Amino acid sequence: MILNTGRTVLVVDDEEKIRELVKSYLEINGYNALCAGTGRQGMELFEKNQTSSSICLILLDLMLPDFSGEEFCRQVREVSTVPIIMITAKVDEESIIKGLRIGADDYVTKPFSPRQLMARVEAACRRSGGKNNSGRDQFLAHDDLIADTENRSISRRGEILPLTRDEYNLLTLLMARPAKIFTREEILLGLKGDDYDGFDRSVDTHIKNLRAKLGDDPKSPRYISTVYGLGYRLGGEH
């Protein structure tokens, strides 16, 4: 489960693979993500959540199937100053200038580096002046595991686990979405983003090493279960 939430990013993009990739990176970095595949769906989520000030940032694709990202941005700017980062395949100068003039705070072109995108997210949140750039109150918990996303550490029964960067990222990815079954491809996209070449088979090795450090028995797992034919998920077998 997610404790003390308050950092929520609205992702509006019609490409499911991009939504899933960005969602994974956001959650690894201590954010919650609301995702929409159309402008109307995104506006509904925005209107539902804006009164509670829970949305700290919008990641917005310009080329949506129902109405343009520019129009979405205009509607948001009528009622809110929440930071907006536009994500688009449009690379001409005129499109960039137009987006910035109607209220966007930053511009990222596809294909993009997820790590660079996260740096821009953090920068936009800092500039907004809110507490959204601080992860102090953001923790993930499962069973006797606690993940501190600010200090990038995971403890079990109060003892810090000696995890590598990829092991930490993999475990927090699972902890952020405990009900989801992650395929190997989704895990690798979350870990490596644009560096993933489609042939990497390191997930099984990371899982094996994680289980060893957690003291998890793969035949009767407590923390990470194998869902045969699909991938992995958090928790023991039911």
C-alpha atoms as a PDB file:
ATOM      1  CA  MET A   1       0.000   0.000   0.000  1.00  0.00           C
ATOM      2  CA  ILE A   2       1.044   3.665  -0.364  1.00  0.00           C
ATOM      3  CA  LEU A   3       1.276   5.712   2.815  1.00  0.00           C
ATOM      4  CA  ASN A   4       0.993   9.505   3.205  1.00  0.00           C
ATOM      5  CA  THR A   5       0.250  10.164  -0.440  1.00  0.00           C
ATOM      6  CA  GLY A   6       0.264  13.670  -1.848  1.00  0.00           C
ATOM      7  CA  ARG A   7       2.438  13.601  -4.946  1.00  0.00           C
ATOM      8  CA  THR A   8       0.147  12.773  -7.846  1.00  0.00           C
ATOM      9  CA  VAL A   9       0.945  13.275 -11.529  1.00  0.00           C
ATOM     10  CA  LEU A  10      -1.756  13.192 -14.208  1.00  0.00           C
ATOM     11  CA  VAL A  11      -0.498  11.442 -17.364  1.00  0.00           C
ATOM     12  CA  VAL A  12      -2.567  12.072 -20.513  1.00  0.00           C
ATOM     13  CA  ASP A  13      -1.293  10.101 -23.523  1.00  0.00           C
ATOM     14  CA  ASP A  14      -3.072   7.890 -26.050  1.00  0.00           C
ATOM     15  CA  GLU A  15      -0.188   5.359 -26.251  1.00  0.00           C
ATOM     16  CA  GLU A  16      -0.684   2.667 -23.613  1.00  0.00           C
ATOM     17  CA  LYS A  17       2.964   1.596 -23.639  1.00  0.00           C
ATOM     18  CA  ILE A  18       4.098   5.154 -22.906  1.00  0.00           C
ATOM     19  CA  ARG A  19       1.506   5.519 -20.118  1.00  0.00           C
ATOM     20  CA  GLU A  20       2.704   2.298 -18.485  1.00  0.00           C
ATOM     21  CA  LEU A  21       6.378   3.241 -18.816  1.00  0.00           C
ATOM     22  CA  VAL A  22       5.874   6.732 -17.385  1.00  0.00           C
ATOM     23  CA  LYS A  23       3.642   5.376 -14.604  1.00  0.00           C
ATOM     24  CA  SER A  24       6.325   2.866 -13.607  1.00  0.00           C
ATOM     25  CA  TYR A  25       9.030   5.531 -13.478  1.00  0.00           C
ATOM     26  CA  LEU A  26       6.817   7.915 -11.511  1.00  0.00           C
ATOM     27  CA  GLU A  27       6.010   5.258  -8.921  1.00  0.00           C
ATOM     28  CA  ILE A  28       9.663   4.202  -8.607  1.00  0.00           C
ATOM     29  CA  ASN A  29      10.423   7.857  -7.820  1.00  0.00           C
ATOM     30  CA  GLY A  30       7.730   8.159  -5.151  1.00  0.00           C
ATOM     31  CA  TYR A  31       4.842   9.632  -7.134  1.00  0.00           C
ATOM     32  CA  ASN A  32       1.299   8.434  -7.652  1.00  0.00           C
ATOM     33  CA  ALA A  33       0.069   8.411 -11.246  1.00  0.00           C
ATOM     34  CA  LEU A  34      -3.380   8.980 -12.711  1.00  0.00           C
ATOM     35  CA  CYS A  35      -3.498   7.900 -16.359  1.00  0.00           C
ATOM     36  CA  ALA A  36      -5.850   8.763 -19.208  1.00  0.00           C
ATOM     37  CA  GLY A  37      -5.810   7.791 -22.875  1.00  0.00           C
ATOM     38  CA  THR A  38      -7.981  10.658 -24.153  1.00  0.00           C
ATOM     39  CA  GLY A  39      -8.396  14.348 -23.467  1.00  0.00           C
ATOM     40  CA  ARG A  40     -11.899  13.856 -22.068  1.00  0.00           C
ATOM     41  CA  GLN A  41     -10.753  11.146 -19.668  1.00  0.00           C
ATOM     42  CA  GLY A  42      -7.858  13.335 -18.579  1.00  0.00           C
ATOM     43  CA  MET A  43     -10.127  16.322 -18.003  1.00  0.00           C
ATOM     44  CA  GLU A  44     -12.500  14.209 -15.924  1.00  0.00           C
ATOM     45  CA  LEU A  45      -9.602  13.065 -13.728  1.00  0.00           C
ATOM     46  CA  PHE A  46      -8.306  16.623 -13.451  1.00  0.00           C
ATOM     47  CA  GLU A  47     -11.691  18.066 -12.479  1.00  0.00           C
ATOM     48  CA  LYS A  48     -12.276  15.277  -9.971  1.00  0.00           C
ATOM     49  CA  ASN A  49      -8.940  15.817  -8.228  1.00  0.00           C
ATOM     50  CA  GLN A  50      -8.062  19.495  -8.661  1.00  0.00           C
ATOM     51  CA  THR A  51     -10.237  20.743  -5.793  1.00  0.00           C
ATOM     52  CA  SER A  52      -8.217  18.720  -3.311  1.00  0.00           C
ATOM     53  CA  SER A  53      -4.959  20.041  -4.875  1.00  0.00           C
ATOM     54  CA  SER A  54      -3.763  16.448  -5.108  1.00  0.00           C
ATOM     55  CA  ILE A  55      -2.403  16.803  -8.671  1.00  0.00           C
ATOM     56  CA  CYS A  56       1.046  18.384  -8.559  1.00  0.00           C
ATOM     57  CA  LEU A  57       1.883  18.067 -12.272  1.00  0.00           C
ATOM     58  CA  ILE A  58       0.365  17.144 -15.654  1.00  0.00           C
ATOM     59  CA  LEU A  59       2.280  15.227 -18.337  1.00  0.00           C
ATOM     60  CA  LEU A  60       0.349  15.964 -21.516  1.00  0.00           C
ATOM     61  CA  ASP A  61       0.590  14.510 -25.016  1.00  0.00           C
ATOM     62  CA  LEU A  62      -0.293  17.091 -27.679  1.00  0.00           C
ATOM     63  CA  MET A  63      -1.721  14.592 -30.188  1.00  0.00           C
ATOM     64  CA  LEU A  64      -4.783  13.137 -28.461  1.00  0.00           C
ATOM     65  CA  PRO A  65      -7.538  11.213 -30.312  1.00  0.00           C
ATOM     66  CA  ASP A  66     -10.470  13.434 -29.280  1.00  0.00           C
ATOM     67  CA  PHE A  67      -9.136  16.972 -28.866  1.00  0.00           C
ATOM     68  CA  SER A  68      -5.725  18.564 -28.915  1.00  0.00           C
ATOM     69  CA  GLY A  69      -3.306  18.857 -26.044  1.00  0.00           C
ATOM     70  CA  GLU A  70      -3.250  22.600 -26.684  1.00  0.00           C
ATOM     71  CA  GLU A  71      -6.983  22.776 -25.988  1.00  0.00           C
ATOM     72  CA  PHE A  72      -6.530  20.632 -22.861  1.00  0.00           C
ATOM     73  CA  CYS A  73      -3.835  23.039 -21.674  1.00  0.00           C
ATOM     74  CA  ARG A  74      -6.068  26.072 -22.292  1.00  0.00           C
ATOM     75  CA  GLN A  75      -8.908  24.574 -20.261  1.00  0.00           C
ATOM     76  CA  VAL A  76      -6.588  23.737 -17.363  1.00  0.00           C
ATOM     77  CA  ARG A  77      -5.063  27.227 -17.401  1.00  0.00           C
ATOM     78  CA  GLU A  78      -8.513  28.785 -16.990  1.00  0.00           C
ATOM     79  CA  VAL A  79      -8.743  27.322 -13.484  1.00  0.00           C
ATOM     80  CA  SER A  80      -5.271  26.218 -12.364  1.00  0.00           C
ATOM     81  CA  THR A  81      -1.555  27.038 -12.403  1.00  0.00           C
ATOM     82  CA  VAL A  82      -0.504  23.389 -11.952  1.00  0.00           C
ATOM     83  CA  PRO A  83       2.739  22.733 -13.901  1.00  0.00           C
ATOM     84  CA  ILE A  84       2.249  21.136 -17.331  1.00  0.00           C
ATOM     85  CA  ILE A  85       4.946  19.300 -19.267  1.00  0.00           C
ATOM     86  CA  MET A  86       3.956  18.608 -22.864  1.00  0.00           C
ATOM     87  CA  ILE A  87       5.098  15.341 -24.448  1.00  0.00           C
ATOM     88  CA  THR A  88       4.883  15.146 -28.212  1.00  0.00           C
ATOM     89  CA  ALA A  89       6.361  14.001 -31.500  1.00  0.00           C
ATOM     90  CA  LYS A  90       6.026  17.574 -32.826  1.00  0.00           C
ATOM     91  CA  VAL A  91       9.553  18.949 -32.967  1.00  0.00           C
ATOM     92  CA  ASP A  92       9.128  22.123 -35.030  1.00  0.00           C
ATOM     93  CA  GLU A  93       9.894  25.398 -33.284  1.00  0.00           C
ATOM     94  CA  GLU A  94       6.444  26.868 -33.949  1.00  0.00           C
ATOM     95  CA  SER A  95       4.681  24.009 -32.101  1.00  0.00           C
ATOM     96  CA  ILE A  96       7.003  24.384 -29.128  1.00  0.00           C
ATOM     97  CA  ILE A  97       6.514  28.158 -28.945  1.00  0.00           C
ATOM     98  CA  LYS A  98       2.737  27.764 -29.272  1.00  0.00           C
ATOM     99  CA  GLY A  99       2.623  25.226 -26.433  1.00  0.00           C
ATOM    100  CA  LEU A 100       4.685  27.432 -24.136  1.00  0.00           C
ATOM    101  CA  ARG A 101       2.597  30.519 -24.942  1.00  0.00           C
ATOM    102  CA  ILE A 102      -0.689  28.848 -23.976  1.00  0.00           C
ATOM    103  CA  GLY A 103       0.644  27.853 -20.590  1.00  0.00           C
ATOM    104  CA  ALA A 104       2.930  24.823 -20.761  1.00  0.00           C
ATOM    105  CA  ASP A 105       5.903  24.906 -18.406  1.00  0.00           C
ATOM    106  CA  ASP A 106       8.189  22.545 -20.318  1.00  0.00           C
ATOM    107  CA  TYR A 107       8.357  20.501 -23.503  1.00  0.00           C
ATOM    108  CA  VAL A 108       9.663  16.936 -24.090  1.00  0.00           C
ATOM    109  CA  THR A 109       9.821  15.372 -27.544  1.00  0.00           C
ATOM    110  CA  LYS A 110       9.338  11.681 -28.368  1.00  0.00           C
ATOM    111  CA  PRO A 111      11.273   9.454 -28.162  1.00  0.00           C
ATOM    112  CA  PHE A 112      12.431  10.604 -24.731  1.00  0.00           C
ATOM    113  CA  SER A 113      14.613   9.324 -21.928  1.00  0.00           C
ATOM    114  CA  PRO A 114      12.461   8.370 -18.897  1.00  0.00           C
ATOM    115  CA  ARG A 115      15.267   9.389 -16.554  1.00  0.00           C
ATOM    116  CA  GLN A 116      15.478  12.811 -18.164  1.00  0.00           C
ATOM    117  CA  LEU A 117      11.707  13.113 -17.932  1.00  0.00           C
ATOM    118  CA  MET A 118      11.842  12.384 -14.183  1.00  0.00           C
ATOM    119  CA  ALA A 119      14.467  15.098 -13.762  1.00  0.00           C
ATOM    120  CA  ARG A 120      12.140  17.544 -15.515  1.00  0.00           C
ATOM    121  CA  VAL A 121       9.244  16.431 -13.303  1.00  0.00           C
ATOM    122  CA  GLU A 122      11.275  17.140 -10.167  1.00  0.00           C
ATOM    123  CA  ALA A 123      12.413  20.505 -11.545  1.00  0.00           C
ATOM    124  CA  ALA A 124       8.844  21.529 -12.425  1.00  0.00           C
ATOM    125  CA  CYS A 125       7.624  20.585  -8.951  1.00  0.00           C
ATOM    126  CA  ARG A 126      10.438  22.591  -7.341  1.00  0.00           C
ATOM    127  CA  ARG A 127       9.589  25.645  -9.426  1.00  0.00           C
ATOM    128  CA  SER A 128       5.924  25.367  -8.462  1.00  0.00           C
ATOM    129  CA  GLY A 129       6.916  26.187  -4.880  1.00  0.00           C
ATOM    130  CA  GLY A 130       4.860  23.405  -3.335  1.00  0.00           C
ATOM    131  CA  LYS A 131       6.039  20.570  -1.156  1.00  0.00           C
ATOM    132  CA  ASN A 132       5.621  18.177  -4.061  1.00  0.00           C
ATOM    133  CA  ASN A 133       9.363  18.039  -4.708  1.00  0.00           C
ATOM    134  CA  SER A 134       9.931  16.490  -1.297  1.00  0.00           C
ATOM    135  CA  GLY A 135       9.549  12.783  -0.763  1.00  0.00           C
ATOM    136  CA  ARG A 136       9.858  12.966   3.043  1.00  0.00           C
ATOM    137  CA  ASP A 137       6.365  11.740   3.692  1.00  0.00           C
ATOM    138  CA  GLN A 138       6.336   9.179   0.916  1.00  0.00           C
ATOM    139  CA  PHE A 139       6.730   5.545   1.923  1.00  0.00           C
ATOM    140  CA  LEU A 140       5.732   2.207   0.465  1.00  0.00           C
ATOM    141  CA  ALA A 141       4.897  -0.708   2.740  1.00  0.00           C
ATOM    142  CA  HIS A 142       4.249  -4.419   2.341  1.00  0.00           C
ATOM    143  CA  ASP A 143       4.215  -6.980   5.117  1.00  0.00           C
ATOM    144  CA  ASP A 144       7.352  -6.157   7.142  1.00  0.00           C
ATOM    145  CA  LEU A 145       9.019  -4.224   4.303  1.00  0.00           C
ATOM    146  CA  ILE A 146       9.227  -0.412   4.317  1.00  0.00           C
ATOM    147  CA  ALA A 147      10.581   1.525   1.337  1.00  0.00           C
ATOM    148  CA  ASP A 148      11.847   5.074   1.963  1.00  0.00           C
ATOM    149  CA  THR A 149      11.737   6.631  -1.510  1.00  0.00           C
ATOM    150  CA  GLU A 150      13.539   9.798  -0.453  1.00  0.00           C
ATOM    151  CA  ASN A 151      16.590   7.947   0.822  1.00  0.00           C
ATOM    152  CA  ARG A 152      16.159   5.089  -1.658  1.00  0.00           C
ATOM    153  CA  SER A 153      16.348   2.401   0.975  1.00  0.00           C
ATOM    154  CA  ILE A 154      14.228  -0.604   1.918  1.00  0.00           C
ATOM    155  CA  SER A 155      14.175  -2.085   5.391  1.00  0.00           C
ATOM    156  CA  ARG A 156      12.779  -5.328   6.754  1.00  0.00           C
ATOM    157  CA  ARG A 157      11.835  -5.336  10.412  1.00  0.00           C
ATOM    158  CA  GLY A 158      13.898  -2.153  10.800  1.00  0.00           C
ATOM    159  CA  GLU A 159      17.036  -3.523   9.128  1.00  0.00           C
ATOM    160  CA  ILE A 160      18.230  -1.912   5.871  1.00  0.00           C
ATOM    161  CA  LEU A 161      18.569  -4.413   3.032  1.00  0.00           C
ATOM    162  CA  PRO A 162      21.822  -4.311   0.987  1.00  0.00           C
ATOM    163  CA  LEU A 163      20.157  -3.877  -2.397  1.00  0.00           C
ATOM    164  CA  THR A 164      21.694  -2.835  -5.687  1.00  0.00           C
ATOM    165  CA  ARG A 165      20.139   0.035  -7.640  1.00  0.00           C
ATOM    166  CA  ASP A 166      18.228  -2.327  -9.947  1.00  0.00           C
ATOM    167  CA  GLU A 167      17.067  -4.499  -7.050  1.00  0.00           C
ATOM    168  CA  TYR A 168      15.765  -1.437  -5.214  1.00  0.00           C
ATOM    169  CA  ASN A 169      13.992  -0.151  -8.321  1.00  0.00           C
ATOM    170  CA  LEU A 170      12.462  -3.551  -9.068  1.00  0.00           C
ATOM    171  CA  LEU A 171      11.177  -4.084  -5.533  1.00  0.00           C
ATOM    172  CA  THR A 172       9.716  -0.564  -5.237  1.00  0.00           C
ATOM    173  CA  LEU A 173       8.069  -1.030  -8.642  1.00  0.00           C
ATOM    174  CA  LEU A 174       6.287  -4.129  -7.303  1.00  0.00           C
ATOM    175  CA  MET A 175       5.483  -2.459  -3.972  1.00  0.00           C
ATOM    176  CA  ALA A 176       3.953   0.583  -5.660  1.00  0.00           C
ATOM    177  CA  ARG A 177       1.406  -1.565  -7.527  1.00  0.00           C
ATOM    178  CA  PRO A 178       0.823  -4.648  -5.345  1.00  0.00           C
ATOM    179  CA  ALA A 179      -2.193  -5.903  -7.281  1.00  0.00           C
ATOM    180  CA  LYS A 180      -0.459  -5.848 -10.682  1.00  0.00           C
ATOM    181  CA  ILE A 181       1.252  -8.776 -12.391  1.00  0.00           C
ATOM    182  CA  PHE A 182       4.346  -7.368 -14.123  1.00  0.00           C
ATOM    183  CA  THR A 183       5.655  -9.025 -17.263  1.00  0.00           C
ATOM    184  CA  ARG A 184       9.413  -9.261 -17.713  1.00  0.00           C
ATOM    185  CA  GLU A 185       9.209  -6.620 -20.446  1.00  0.00           C
ATOM    186  CA  GLU A 186       7.336  -4.191 -18.172  1.00  0.00           C
ATOM    187  CA  ILE A 187       9.917  -4.686 -15.426  1.00  0.00           C
ATOM    188  CA  LEU A 188      12.801  -4.078 -17.827  1.00  0.00           C
ATOM    189  CA  LEU A 189      11.109  -0.990 -19.236  1.00  0.00           C
ATOM    190  CA  GLY A 190      10.725   0.278 -15.675  1.00  0.00           C
ATOM    191  CA  LEU A 191      14.380  -0.455 -14.867  1.00  0.00           C
ATOM    192  CA  LYS A 192      16.096   0.536 -18.100  1.00  0.00           C
ATOM    193  CA  GLY A 193      13.641   2.631 -20.071  1.00  0.00           C
ATOM    194  CA  ASP A 194      15.105   3.673 -23.408  1.00  0.00           C
ATOM    195  CA  ASP A 195      18.193   1.490 -22.817  1.00  0.00           C
ATOM    196  CA  TYR A 196      16.069  -1.678 -22.985  1.00  0.00           C
ATOM    197  CA  ASP A 197      16.866  -3.474 -26.262  1.00  0.00           C
ATOM    198  CA  GLY A 198      14.212  -6.200 -26.087  1.00  0.00           C
ATOM    199  CA  PHE A 199      16.692  -9.028 -25.530  1.00  0.00           C
ATOM    200  CA  ASP A 200      17.716  -8.494 -21.914  1.00  0.00           C
ATOM    201  CA  ARG A 201      16.974 -11.512 -19.710  1.00  0.00           C
ATOM    202  CA  SER A 202      18.327 -10.115 -16.433  1.00  0.00           C
ATOM    203  CA  VAL A 203      14.947  -9.918 -14.650  1.00  0.00           C
ATOM    204  CA  ASP A 204      15.089 -13.529 -13.472  1.00  0.00           C
ATOM    205  CA  THR A 205      18.573 -12.933 -12.053  1.00  0.00           C
ATOM    206  CA  HIS A 206      17.408  -9.810 -10.197  1.00  0.00           C
ATOM    207  CA  ILE A 207      14.418 -11.723  -8.792  1.00  0.00           C
ATOM    208  CA  LYS A 208      16.663 -14.599  -7.680  1.00  0.00           C
ATOM    209  CA  ASN A 209      19.062 -12.204  -5.925  1.00  0.00           C
ATOM    210  CA  LEU A 210      16.208 -10.266  -4.316  1.00  0.00           C
ATOM    211  CA  ARG A 211      14.661 -13.446  -2.955  1.00  0.00           C
ATOM    212  CA  ALA A 212      18.013 -14.469  -1.486  1.00  0.00           C
ATOM    213  CA  LYS A 213      18.386 -11.108   0.303  1.00  0.00           C
ATOM    214  CA  LEU A 214      14.764 -11.261   1.518  1.00  0.00           C
ATOM    215  CA  GLY A 215      15.097 -14.867   2.654  1.00  0.00           C
ATOM    216  CA  ASP A 216      12.163 -15.686   0.386  1.00  0.00           C
ATOM    217  CA  ASP A 217      11.500 -19.316  -0.563  1.00  0.00           C
ATOM    218  CA  PRO A 218      10.496 -19.393  -4.272  1.00  0.00           C
ATOM    219  CA  LYS A 219       8.478 -22.568  -3.649  1.00  0.00           C
ATOM    220  CA  SER A 220       6.456 -20.845  -0.939  1.00  0.00           C
ATOM    221  CA  PRO A 221       7.070 -17.116  -1.424  1.00  0.00           C
ATOM    222  CA  ARG A 222       6.172 -14.438   1.080  1.00  0.00           C
ATOM    223  CA  TYR A 223       7.327 -11.371  -0.838  1.00  0.00           C
ATOM    224  CA  ILE A 224       7.588 -12.086  -4.593  1.00  0.00           C
ATOM    225  CA  SER A 225       5.470 -14.621  -6.458  1.00  0.00           C
ATOM    226  CA  THR A 226       6.019 -16.054  -9.909  1.00  0.00           C
ATOM    227  CA  VAL A 227       2.852 -16.042 -12.008  1.00  0.00           C
ATOM    228  CA  TYR A 228       3.703 -18.729 -14.527  1.00  0.00           C
ATOM    229  CA  GLY A 229       3.389 -17.663 -18.141  1.00  0.00           C
ATOM    230  CA  LEU A 230       2.897 -14.015 -17.139  1.00  0.00           C
ATOM    231  CA  GLY A 231       5.579 -12.605 -14.839  1.00  0.00           C
ATOM    232  CA  TYR A 232       5.889 -11.544 -11.204  1.00  0.00           C
ATOM    233  CA  ARG A 233       3.817  -9.817  -8.564  1.00  0.00           C
ATOM    234  CA  LEU A 234       4.172  -8.730  -4.964  1.00  0.00           C
ATOM    235  CA  GLY A 235       3.056 -11.045  -2.163  1.00  0.00           C
ATOM    236  CA  GLY A 236       2.820 -14.740  -1.431  1.00  0.00           C
ATOM    237  CA  GLU A 237       0.776 -17.243  -3.348  1.00  0.00           C
ATOM    238  CA  HIS A 238      -2.935 -17.326  -2.572  1.00  0.00           C
END
